[in-house]
C-alpha atoms as a PDB file:
ATOM      1  CA  MET A   1      86.367  75.857 100.339  1.00  0.00           C
ATOM      2  CA  LYS A   2      88.697  76.777  97.507  1.00  0.00           C
ATOM      3  CA  LYS A   3      89.746  80.418  97.579  1.00  0.00           C
ATOM      4  CA  PRO A   4      88.534  82.474  94.605  1.00  0.00           C
ATOM      5  CA  PRO A   5      90.990  84.313  92.342  1.00  0.00           C
ATOM      6  CA  TRP A   6      90.332  87.700  93.935  1.00  0.00           C
ATOM      7  CA  LEU A   7      91.876  86.434  97.181  1.00  0.00           C
ATOM      8  CA  LYS A   8      95.303  85.798  95.695  1.00  0.00           C
ATOM      9  CA  LYS A   9      98.000  88.200  96.784  1.00  0.00           C
ATOM     10  CA  ARG A  10     101.633  88.702  95.840  1.00  0.00           C
ATOM     11  CA  ILE A  11     104.114  88.090  98.665  1.00  0.00           C
ATOM     12  CA  PRO A  12     106.859  90.751  98.762  1.00  0.00           C
ATOM     13  CA  PRO A  13     110.505  89.617  98.750  1.00  0.00           C
ATOM     14  CA  TYR A  14     111.670  88.690 102.247  1.00  0.00           C
ATOM     15  CA  GLN A  15     114.432  91.327 102.202  1.00  0.00           C
ATOM     16  CA  ASP A  16     111.741  94.016 101.919  1.00  0.00           C
ATOM     17  CA  LEU A  17     110.418  92.942 105.328  1.00  0.00           C
ATOM     18  CA  LEU A  18     113.746  92.790 107.138  1.00  0.00           C
ATOM     19  CA  LYS A  19     113.893  96.386 108.385  1.00  0.00           C
ATOM     20  CA  ILE A  20     110.582  96.155 110.251  1.00  0.00           C
ATOM     21  CA  LYS A  21     111.296  92.608 111.460  1.00  0.00           C
ATOM     22  CA  SER A  22     114.653  93.695 112.894  1.00  0.00           C
ATOM     23  CA  ILE A  23     113.145  96.717 114.685  1.00  0.00           C
ATOM     24  CA  LEU A  24     110.390  94.577 116.218  1.00  0.00           C
ATOM     25  CA  ASN A  25     112.898  91.934 117.302  1.00  0.00           C
ATOM     26  CA  GLU A  26     115.205  94.563 118.776  1.00  0.00           C
ATOM     27  CA  THR A  27     112.405  96.227 120.761  1.00  0.00           C
ATOM     28  CA  LYS A  28     110.796  92.870 121.675  1.00  0.00           C
ATOM     29  CA  LEU A  29     107.339  93.974 120.596  1.00  0.00           C
ATOM     30  CA  HIS A  30     104.292  92.066 119.377  1.00  0.00           C
ATOM     31  CA  THR A  31     102.266  93.073 116.314  1.00  0.00           C
ATOM     32  CA  VAL A  32      98.720  92.073 115.486  1.00  0.00           C
ATOM     33  CA  CYS A  33     100.010  91.551 111.943  1.00  0.00           C
ATOM     34  CA  GLU A  34     101.981  88.514 113.130  1.00  0.00           C
ATOM     35  CA  GLU A  35      99.873  87.271 116.045  1.00  0.00           C
ATOM     36  CA  ALA A  36      96.591  87.354 114.098  1.00  0.00           C
ATOM     37  CA  ARG A  37      98.202  86.002 110.903  1.00  0.00           C
ATOM     38  CA  CYS A  38      97.022  88.960 108.853  1.00  0.00           C
ATOM     39  CA  PRO A  39      97.115  88.406 105.078  1.00  0.00           C
ATOM     40  CA  ASN A  40      98.432  91.962 104.644  1.00  0.00           C
ATOM     41  CA  LEU A  41     101.542  91.458 106.781  1.00  0.00           C
ATOM     42  CA  GLY A  42     103.943  91.361 103.844  1.00  0.00           C
ATOM     43  CA  GLU A  43     102.520  94.479 102.252  1.00  0.00           C
ATOM     44  CA  CYS A  44     102.503  96.482 105.493  1.00  0.00           C
ATOM     45  CA  PHE A  45     105.991  95.434 106.613  1.00  0.00           C
ATOM     46  CA  SER A  46     107.418  96.145 103.150  1.00  0.00           C
ATOM     47  CA  ARG A  47     105.865  99.652 103.325  1.00  0.00           C
ATOM     48  CA  GLY A  48     107.563 100.234 106.681  1.00  0.00           C
ATOM     49  CA  THR A  49     104.538 100.044 108.951  1.00  0.00           C
ATOM     50  CA  ALA A  50     102.960  97.678 111.485  1.00  0.00           C
ATOM     51  CA  THR A  51     100.176  97.637 114.080  1.00  0.00           C
ATOM     52  CA  PHE A  52     101.569  97.353 117.599  1.00  0.00           C
ATOM     53  CA  LEU A  53      99.975  94.794 119.926  1.00  0.00           C
ATOM     54  CA  ILE A  54     100.406  95.794 123.578  1.00  0.00           C
ATOM     55  CA  LEU A  55      99.585  94.111 126.919  1.00  0.00           C
ATOM     56  CA  GLY A  56     101.493  90.969 125.908  1.00  0.00           C
ATOM     57  CA  GLY A  57     100.687  88.295 123.369  1.00  0.00           C
ATOM     58  CA  ILE A  58      98.177  86.151 125.292  1.00  0.00           C
ATOM     59  CA  CYS A  59      94.462  87.006 125.246  1.00  0.00           C
ATOM     60  CA  THR A  60      92.021  86.117 128.026  1.00  0.00           C
ATOM     61  CA  ARG A  61      89.234  85.542 125.483  1.00  0.00           C
ATOM     62  CA  ASP A  62      88.863  82.868 122.831  1.00  0.00           C
ATOM     63  CA  CYS A  63      86.969  84.357 119.894  1.00  0.00           C
ATOM     64  CA  GLY A  64      86.031  81.889 117.190  1.00  0.00           C
ATOM     65  CA  PHE A  65      87.648  83.884 114.377  1.00  0.00           C
ATOM     66  CA  CYS A  66      90.922  84.946 115.979  1.00  0.00           C
ATOM     67  CA  ALA A  67      94.393  83.383 115.737  1.00  0.00           C
ATOM     68  CA  VAL A  68      95.851  85.230 118.734  1.00  0.00           C
ATOM     69  CA  GLU A  69      96.773  82.768 121.477  1.00  0.00           C
ATOM     70  CA  HIS A  70      94.470  82.655 124.502  1.00  0.00           C
ATOM     71  CA  GLY A  71      95.171  81.568 128.052  1.00  0.00           C
ATOM     72  CA  VAL A  72      96.705  83.055 131.197  1.00  0.00           C
ATOM     73  CA  PRO A  73      98.684  86.202 130.323  1.00  0.00           C
ATOM     74  CA  ALA A  74     102.026  87.164 131.842  1.00  0.00           C
ATOM     75  CA  PRO A  75     102.281  90.193 134.148  1.00  0.00           C
ATOM     76  CA  LEU A  76     102.357  93.573 132.446  1.00  0.00           C
ATOM     77  CA  ASP A  77     105.678  94.818 131.113  1.00  0.00           C
ATOM     78  CA  GLU A  78     106.175  98.303 132.552  1.00  0.00           C
ATOM     79  CA  ALA A  79     108.745  99.164 129.867  1.00  0.00           C
ATOM     80  CA  GLU A  80     106.468  98.265 126.947  1.00  0.00           C
ATOM     81  CA  PRO A  81     105.071 101.789 126.313  1.00  0.00           C
ATOM     82  CA  GLU A  82     108.567 103.238 125.984  1.00  0.00           C
ATOM     83  CA  ARG A  83     109.652 100.418 123.674  1.00  0.00           C
ATOM     84  CA  VAL A  84     106.671 101.147 121.420  1.00  0.00           C
ATOM     85  CA  ALA A  85     107.794 104.777 121.267  1.00  0.00           C
ATOM     86  CA  GLN A  86     111.330 103.669 120.378  1.00  0.00           C
ATOM     87  CA  ALA A  87     109.987 101.529 117.538  1.00  0.00           C
ATOM     88  CA  VAL A  88     107.823 104.402 116.264  1.00  0.00           C
ATOM     89  CA  LYS A  89     110.913 106.624 116.152  1.00  0.00           C
ATOM     90  CA  LYS A  90     113.072 104.030 114.369  1.00  0.00           C
ATOM     91  CA  MET A  91     110.333 103.322 111.832  1.00  0.00           C
ATOM     92  CA  GLY A  92     109.723 107.033 111.254  1.00  0.00           C
ATOM     93  CA  LEU A  93     105.970 106.667 111.611  1.00  0.00           C
ATOM     94  CA  GLN A  94     103.682 109.696 111.439  1.00  0.00           C
ATOM     95  CA  TYR A  95     100.505 107.634 111.908  1.00  0.00           C
ATOM     96  CA  VAL A  96     100.565 104.944 114.594  1.00  0.00           C
ATOM     97  CA  VAL A  97      97.992 102.221 115.275  1.00  0.00           C
ATOM     98  CA  ILE A  98      98.036 100.583 118.704  1.00  0.00           C
ATOM     99  CA  THR A  99      95.877  97.623 119.622  1.00  0.00           C
ATOM    100  CA  SER A 100      96.004  94.960 122.327  1.00  0.00           C
ATOM    101  CA  VAL A 101      94.930  91.553 123.425  1.00  0.00           C
ATOM    102  CA  THR A 102      91.908  91.564 125.733  1.00  0.00           C
ATOM    103  CA  ARG A 103      92.960  91.507 129.388  1.00  0.00           C
ATOM    104  CA  ASP A 104      89.870  90.688 131.446  1.00  0.00           C
ATOM    105  CA  ASP A 105      92.252  89.721 134.268  1.00  0.00           C
ATOM    106  CA  LEU A 106      93.188  93.384 134.845  1.00  0.00           C
ATOM    107  CA  PRO A 107      90.892  95.692 136.863  1.00  0.00           C
ATOM    108  CA  ASP A 108      91.077  98.379 134.173  1.00  0.00           C
ATOM    109  CA  GLY A 109      91.386  95.995 131.227  1.00  0.00           C
ATOM    110  CA  GLY A 110      94.752  97.533 130.381  1.00  0.00           C
ATOM    111  CA  ALA A 111      93.411 101.063 129.856  1.00  0.00           C
ATOM    112  CA  HIS A 112      96.254 102.728 131.756  1.00  0.00           C
ATOM    113  CA  ASP A 113      98.807 100.998 129.534  1.00  0.00           C
ATOM    114  CA  PHE A 114      97.061 102.384 126.460  1.00  0.00           C
ATOM    115  CA  ALA A 115      97.302 105.816 128.107  1.00  0.00           C
ATOM    116  CA  LYS A 116     101.011 105.389 128.918  1.00  0.00           C
ATOM    117  CA  THR A 117     101.735 104.271 125.361  1.00  0.00           C
ATOM    118  CA  ILE A 118      99.971 107.328 123.926  1.00  0.00           C
ATOM    119  CA  GLN A 119     101.950 109.544 126.310  1.00  0.00           C
ATOM    120  CA  ALA A 120     105.256 107.930 125.296  1.00  0.00           C
ATOM    121  CA  ILE A 121     104.546 108.512 121.589  1.00  0.00           C
ATOM    122  CA  ARG A 122     103.351 112.079 122.164  1.00  0.00           C
ATOM    123  CA  SER A 123     106.639 112.805 123.967  1.00  0.00           C
ATOM    124  CA  LEU A 124     108.456 112.090 120.686  1.00  0.00           C
ATOM    125  CA  ASP A 125     106.384 114.401 118.535  1.00  0.00           C
ATOM    126  CA  ARG A 126     102.928 115.760 119.219  1.00  0.00           C
ATOM    127  CA  LYS A 127     102.248 115.903 115.478  1.00  0.00           C
ATOM    128  CA  ILE A 128     102.189 112.090 115.229  1.00  0.00           C
ATOM    129  CA  LYS A 129      98.633 110.862 114.697  1.00  0.00           C
ATOM    130  CA  ILE A 130      97.545 108.018 116.977  1.00  0.00           C
ATOM    131  CA  GLU A 131      94.763 105.499 116.440  1.00  0.00           C
ATOM    132  CA  VAL A 132      93.899 103.087 119.243  1.00  0.00           C
ATOM    133  CA  LEU A 133      92.016  99.862 118.527  1.00  0.00           C
ATOM    134  CA  ILE A 134      90.725  98.968 121.972  1.00  0.00           C
ATOM    135  CA  PRO A 135      88.922  96.005 123.572  1.00  0.00           C
ATOM    136  CA  ASP A 136      85.565  96.581 125.280  1.00  0.00           C
ATOM    137  CA  PHE A 137      87.068  96.881 128.807  1.00  0.00           C
ATOM    138  CA  GLN A 138      84.081  94.773 129.959  1.00  0.00           C
ATOM    139  CA  GLY A 139      81.915  97.843 129.495  1.00  0.00           C
ATOM    140  CA  LYS A 140      83.607  99.901 132.236  1.00  0.00           C
ATOM    141  CA  PRO A 141      83.162 103.627 131.458  1.00  0.00           C
ATOM    142  CA  SER A 142      86.057 104.536 133.773  1.00  0.00           C
ATOM    143  CA  SER A 143      88.514 102.505 131.679  1.00  0.00           C
ATOM    144  CA  LEU A 144      87.317 104.089 128.448  1.00  0.00           C
ATOM    145  CA  ILE A 145      87.733 107.581 129.909  1.00  0.00           C
ATOM    146  CA  VAL A 146      91.351 106.812 130.889  1.00  0.00           C
ATOM    147  CA  VAL A 147      92.144 106.269 127.203  1.00  0.00           C
ATOM    148  CA  LEU A 148      90.027 109.122 125.866  1.00  0.00           C
ATOM    149  CA  LYS A 149      91.644 111.650 128.228  1.00  0.00           C
ATOM    150  CA  GLU A 150      94.906 111.161 126.338  1.00  0.00           C
ATOM    151  CA  GLY A 151      93.253 112.451 123.165  1.00  0.00           C
ATOM    152  CA  PRO A 152      93.887 109.782 120.538  1.00  0.00           C
ATOM    153  CA  ASP A 153      93.065 111.034 117.054  1.00  0.00           C
ATOM    154  CA  VAL A 154      90.933 107.954 116.333  1.00  0.00           C
ATOM    155  CA  LEU A 155      89.288 105.541 118.748  1.00  0.00           C
ATOM    156  CA  ASN A 156      88.590 102.222 117.038  1.00  0.00           C
ATOM    157  CA  HIS A 157      86.572  99.342 118.441  1.00  0.00           C
ATOM    158  CA  ASN A 158      85.522  96.525 116.150  1.00  0.00           C
ATOM    159  CA  ILE A 159      81.962  95.257 116.231  1.00  0.00           C
ATOM    160  CA  GLU A 160      83.238  92.214 114.219  1.00  0.00           C
ATOM    161  CA  THR A 161      79.927  90.647 113.126  1.00  0.00           C
ATOM    162  CA  VAL A 162      76.125  90.784 113.287  1.00  0.00           C
ATOM    163  CA  PRO A 163      74.484  90.189 116.694  1.00  0.00           C
ATOM    164  CA  ARG A 164      72.989  86.790 115.743  1.00  0.00           C
ATOM    165  CA  LEU A 165      76.480  85.321 115.285  1.00  0.00           C
ATOM    166  CA  TYR A 166      77.978  86.607 118.541  1.00  0.00           C
ATOM    167  CA  PRO A 167      77.577  83.308 120.474  1.00  0.00           C
ATOM    168  CA  GLU A 168      79.890  81.601 117.962  1.00  0.00           C
ATOM    169  CA  VAL A 169      82.124  84.424 116.830  1.00  0.00           C
ATOM    170  CA  ARG A 170      82.520  86.465 120.038  1.00  0.00           C
ATOM    171  CA  PRO A 171      81.148  84.322 122.897  1.00  0.00           C
ATOM    172  CA  GLN A 172      82.694  86.476 125.663  1.00  0.00           C
ATOM    173  CA  ALA A 173      81.656  89.789 124.109  1.00  0.00           C
ATOM    174  CA  ASP A 174      78.347  91.599 123.810  1.00  0.00           C
ATOM    175  CA  TYR A 175      77.000  93.461 120.782  1.00  0.00           C
ATOM    176  CA  GLU A 176      75.214  96.202 122.727  1.00  0.00           C
ATOM    177  CA  ARG A 177      78.233  96.666 124.994  1.00  0.00           C
ATOM    178  CA  SER A 178      80.417  97.346 121.968  1.00  0.00           C
ATOM    179  CA  LEU A 179      77.896  99.790 120.503  1.00  0.00           C
ATOM    180  CA  ASN A 180      77.662 101.593 123.835  1.00  0.00           C
ATOM    181  CA  LEU A 181      81.438 101.982 123.982  1.00  0.00           C
ATOM    182  CA  LEU A 182      81.405 103.865 120.677  1.00  0.00           C
ATOM    183  CA  LYS A 183      78.395 105.868 121.829  1.00  0.00           C
ATOM    184  CA  ARG A 184      80.079 106.904 125.103  1.00  0.00           C
ATOM    185  CA  CYS A 185      83.126 108.090 123.216  1.00  0.00           C
ATOM    186  CA  LYS A 186      81.057 110.527 121.147  1.00  0.00           C
ATOM    187  CA  GLU A 187      79.051 111.657 124.160  1.00  0.00           C
ATOM    188  CA  ASN A 188      82.147 112.452 126.225  1.00  0.00           C
ATOM    189  CA  TYR A 189      84.679 113.469 123.561  1.00  0.00           C
ATOM    190  CA  PRO A 190      82.760 114.406 120.401  1.00  0.00           C
ATOM    191  CA  TYR A 191      85.897 115.702 118.645  1.00  0.00           C
ATOM    192  CA  ILE A 192      87.585 112.276 118.728  1.00  0.00           C
ATOM    193  CA  LEU A 193      86.882 110.321 115.549  1.00  0.00           C
ATOM    194  CA  THR A 194      85.408 106.871 116.077  1.00  0.00           C
ATOM    195  CA  LYS A 195      85.896 103.811 113.928  1.00  0.00           C
ATOM    196  CA  SER A 196      84.640 100.242 113.779  1.00  0.00           C
ATOM    197  CA  GLY A 197      84.860  97.238 111.512  1.00  0.00           C
ATOM    198  CA  PHE A 198      83.388  93.831 110.813  1.00  0.00           C
ATOM    199  CA  MET A 199      83.911  90.714 108.717  1.00  0.00           C
ATOM    200  CA  LEU A 200      81.831  89.102 106.006  1.00  0.00           C
ATOM    201  CA  GLY A 201      81.733  85.396 105.227  1.00  0.00           C
ATOM    202  CA  LEU A 202      80.712  84.011 108.619  1.00  0.00           C
ATOM    203  CA  GLY A 203      77.086  83.311 107.711  1.00  0.00           C
ATOM    204  CA  GLU A 204      75.573  86.794 108.028  1.00  0.00           C
ATOM    205  CA  ARG A 205      72.592  87.791 105.898  1.00  0.00           C
ATOM    206  CA  GLU A 206      72.371  90.954 103.803  1.00  0.00           C
ATOM    207  CA  GLU A 207      69.558  92.452 105.856  1.00  0.00           C
ATOM    208  CA  GLU A 208      71.604  91.850 109.027  1.00  0.00           C
ATOM    209  CA  VAL A 209      74.582  93.680 107.530  1.00  0.00           C
ATOM    210  CA  ILE A 210      72.403  96.663 106.595  1.00  0.00           C
ATOM    211  CA  GLU A 211      71.016  96.806 110.125  1.00  0.00           C
ATOM    212  CA  LEU A 212      74.549  96.631 111.527  1.00  0.00           C
ATOM    213  CA  LEU A 213      75.556  99.611 109.384  1.00  0.00           C
ATOM    214  CA  LYS A 214      72.564 101.556 110.685  1.00  0.00           C
ATOM    215  CA  ASP A 215      73.368 100.636 114.308  1.00  0.00           C
ATOM    216  CA  LEU A 216      76.900 101.994 113.944  1.00  0.00           C
ATOM    217  CA  ARG A 217      75.627 105.244 112.462  1.00  0.00           C
ATOM    218  CA  ARG A 218      73.094 105.605 115.275  1.00  0.00           C
ATOM    219  CA  VAL A 219      76.038 105.858 117.689  1.00  0.00           C
ATOM    220  CA  ARG A 220      77.713 108.342 115.288  1.00  0.00           C
ATOM    221  CA  CYS A 221      80.576 106.098 114.238  1.00  0.00           C
ATOM    222  CA  ASP A 222      82.731 108.027 111.732  1.00  0.00           C
ATOM    223  CA  PHE A 223      84.892 105.430 109.939  1.00  0.00           C
ATOM    224  CA  LEU A 224      84.099 101.897 108.867  1.00  0.00           C
ATOM    225  CA  THR A 225      86.127  98.939 107.601  1.00  0.00           C
ATOM    226  CA  ILE A 226      84.623  95.777 106.080  1.00  0.00           C
ATOM    227  CA  GLY A 227      86.716  92.752 105.105  1.00  0.00           C
ATOM    228  CA  GLN A 228      86.516  89.072 104.207  1.00  0.00           C
ATOM    229  CA  TYR A 229      86.881  86.586 107.050  1.00  0.00           C
ATOM    230  CA  LEU A 230      89.704  84.135 106.355  1.00  0.00           C
ATOM    231  CA  GLN A 231      90.147  81.108 108.600  1.00  0.00           C
ATOM    232  CA  PRO A 232      93.549  81.700 110.261  1.00  0.00           C
ATOM    233  CA  ARG A 233      94.049  78.099 111.419  1.00  0.00           C
ATOM    234  CA  SER A 234      92.172  74.807 111.387  1.00  0.00           C
ATOM    235  CA  ASP A 235      90.612  75.125 114.861  1.00  0.00           C
ATOM    236  CA  ARG A 236      88.966  78.472 114.074  1.00  0.00           C
ATOM    237  CA  LEU A 237      85.518  78.984 112.523  1.00  0.00           C
ATOM    238  CA  PRO A 238      85.233  77.891 108.881  1.00  0.00           C
ATOM    239  CA  VAL A 239      84.544  80.346 106.086  1.00  0.00           C
ATOM    240  CA  MET A 240      80.878  80.068 105.125  1.00  0.00           C
ATOM    241  CA  ARG A 241      81.174  82.178 101.983  1.00  0.00           C
ATOM    242  CA  TYR A 242      83.723  84.118  99.958  1.00  0.00           C
ATOM    243  CA  VAL A 243      82.088  87.458  99.226  1.00  0.00           C
ATOM    244  CA  PRO A 244      82.789  88.874  95.730  1.00  0.00           C
ATOM    245  CA  PRO A 245      84.361  92.351  95.417  1.00  0.00           C
ATOM    246  CA  GLU A 246      81.221  93.885  93.935  1.00  0.00           C
ATOM    247  CA  GLU A 247      79.277  93.156  97.141  1.00  0.00           C
ATOM    248  CA  PHE A 248      81.952  94.902  99.185  1.00  0.00           C
ATOM    249  CA  GLU A 249      81.654  97.872  96.827  1.00  0.00           C
ATOM    250  CA  GLU A 250      77.888  97.949  97.336  1.00  0.00           C
ATOM    251  CA  TYR A 251      78.233  97.998 101.139  1.00  0.00           C
ATOM    252  CA  GLU A 252      80.755 100.835 100.812  1.00  0.00           C
ATOM    253  CA  LYS A 253      78.235 102.859  98.793  1.00  0.00           C
ATOM    254  CA  ILE A 254      75.506 102.172 101.363  1.00  0.00           C
ATOM    255  CA  GLY A 255      77.813 103.146 104.221  1.00  0.00           C
ATOM    256  CA  LEU A 256      78.705 106.463 102.641  1.00  0.00           C
ATOM    257  CA  LYS A 257      75.077 107.124 101.769  1.00  0.00           C
ATOM    258  CA  ILE A 258      73.905 106.720 105.362  1.00  0.00           C
ATOM    259  CA  GLY A 259      76.579 109.057 106.711  1.00  0.00           C
ATOM    260  CA  PHE A 260      79.947 107.416 107.428  1.00  0.00           C
ATOM    261  CA  ARG A 261      82.774 109.881 106.759  1.00  0.00           C
ATOM    262  CA  SER A 262      85.010 107.215 105.204  1.00  0.00           C
ATOM    263  CA  VAL A 263      84.461 103.545 104.373  1.00  0.00           C
ATOM    264  CA  ALA A 264      87.042 100.952 103.320  1.00  0.00           C
ATOM    265  CA  SER A 265      85.357  97.805 102.060  1.00  0.00           C
ATOM    266  CA  GLY A 266      87.044  94.928 100.246  1.00  0.00           C
ATOM    267  CA  PRO A 267      88.216  91.331 100.636  1.00  0.00           C
ATOM    268  CA  PHE A 268      91.623  92.273 102.099  1.00  0.00           C
ATOM    269  CA  VAL A 269      90.480  95.240 104.174  1.00  0.00           C
ATOM    270  CA  ARG A 270      91.341  94.978 107.870  1.00  0.00           C
ATOM    271  CA  SER A 271      90.698  97.417 110.707  1.00  0.00           C
ATOM    272  CA  SER A 272      94.195  98.915 110.625  1.00  0.00           C
ATOM    273  CA  PHE A 273      95.079  98.301 106.948  1.00  0.00           C
ATOM    274  CA  HIS A 274      95.856 101.661 105.284  1.00  0.00           C
ATOM    275  CA  ALA A 275      94.489 103.334 108.424  1.00  0.00           C
ATOM    276  CA  SER A 276      96.311 106.586 107.693  1.00  0.00           C
ATOM    277  CA  GLN A 277      94.665 106.790 104.261  1.00  0.00           C
ATOM    278  CA  LEU A 278      91.184 106.422 105.756  1.00  0.00           C
ATOM    279  CA  PHE A 279      92.024 109.224 108.180  1.00  0.00           C
ATOM    280  CA  GLU A 280      93.468 111.461 105.434  1.00  0.00           C
ATOM    281  CA  ASN A 281      90.453 110.849 103.172  1.00  0.00           C
ATOM    282  CA  ASN A 282      88.328 112.379 105.907  1.00  0.00           C
ATOM    283  CA  LEU A 283      90.559 115.477 106.109  1.00  0.00           C
ATOM    284  CA  ARG A 284      90.213 116.106 102.373  1.00  0.00           C
ATOM    285  CA  LYS A 285      86.417 116.257 102.573  1.00  0.00           C
END
């Protein structure tokens, strides 16, 4: 399918990206911006920010939409949390987003490494805001609690798509399991803000999207991101439809009407894109 005009984006000059590229190379860190082939990479790097990808660069799952490599991961790098903190300091970040590959090979799914990374950043400056975008930890409440005990400012877990499409889009995940993760967060740590996101353009129907919005509000999800699915490489799921901007605007209005604190909805919106702004919008209300 030919991309519509609203999906064209200016690429910043390469020299604008060099500072962030050099810091990431120096600290030997992965970013989801690069591994997932995010269309916003240039904009984020040129603005001096990035989303850190911990637990290595190999995922144990093979989701139909994702460009991150899957296979057998390497052993955990014990120095990774401290290197993330070093990068945060060099980049001068005051709002940090940390995500990971899914590590079903680990008993805790990597939860303790999320906790260590939060601790390492907090040791720099406790005023730094931290958002964690976590996998489902195979539904283990104990792993979720390990992360929540460290008090991230925002706990994000993407629902990704409507339940009907899970067998194709997220074959190793479970819709109810993801909803329950967000629900448990609010039940155990009600002061921690929760966030989720999903993609349009995979074959979902409008009524399914509305029901998805309602499901997320039933578990008291605070923030929501909605973006256009873009096929990252030829062996990933094809785009079924390019959704026009006005439809994204309508879903944003519906989301706010049913109770989300903040909603970012648009073709280029991603779960961590302008994450600090979504958080700050909530503080101004």
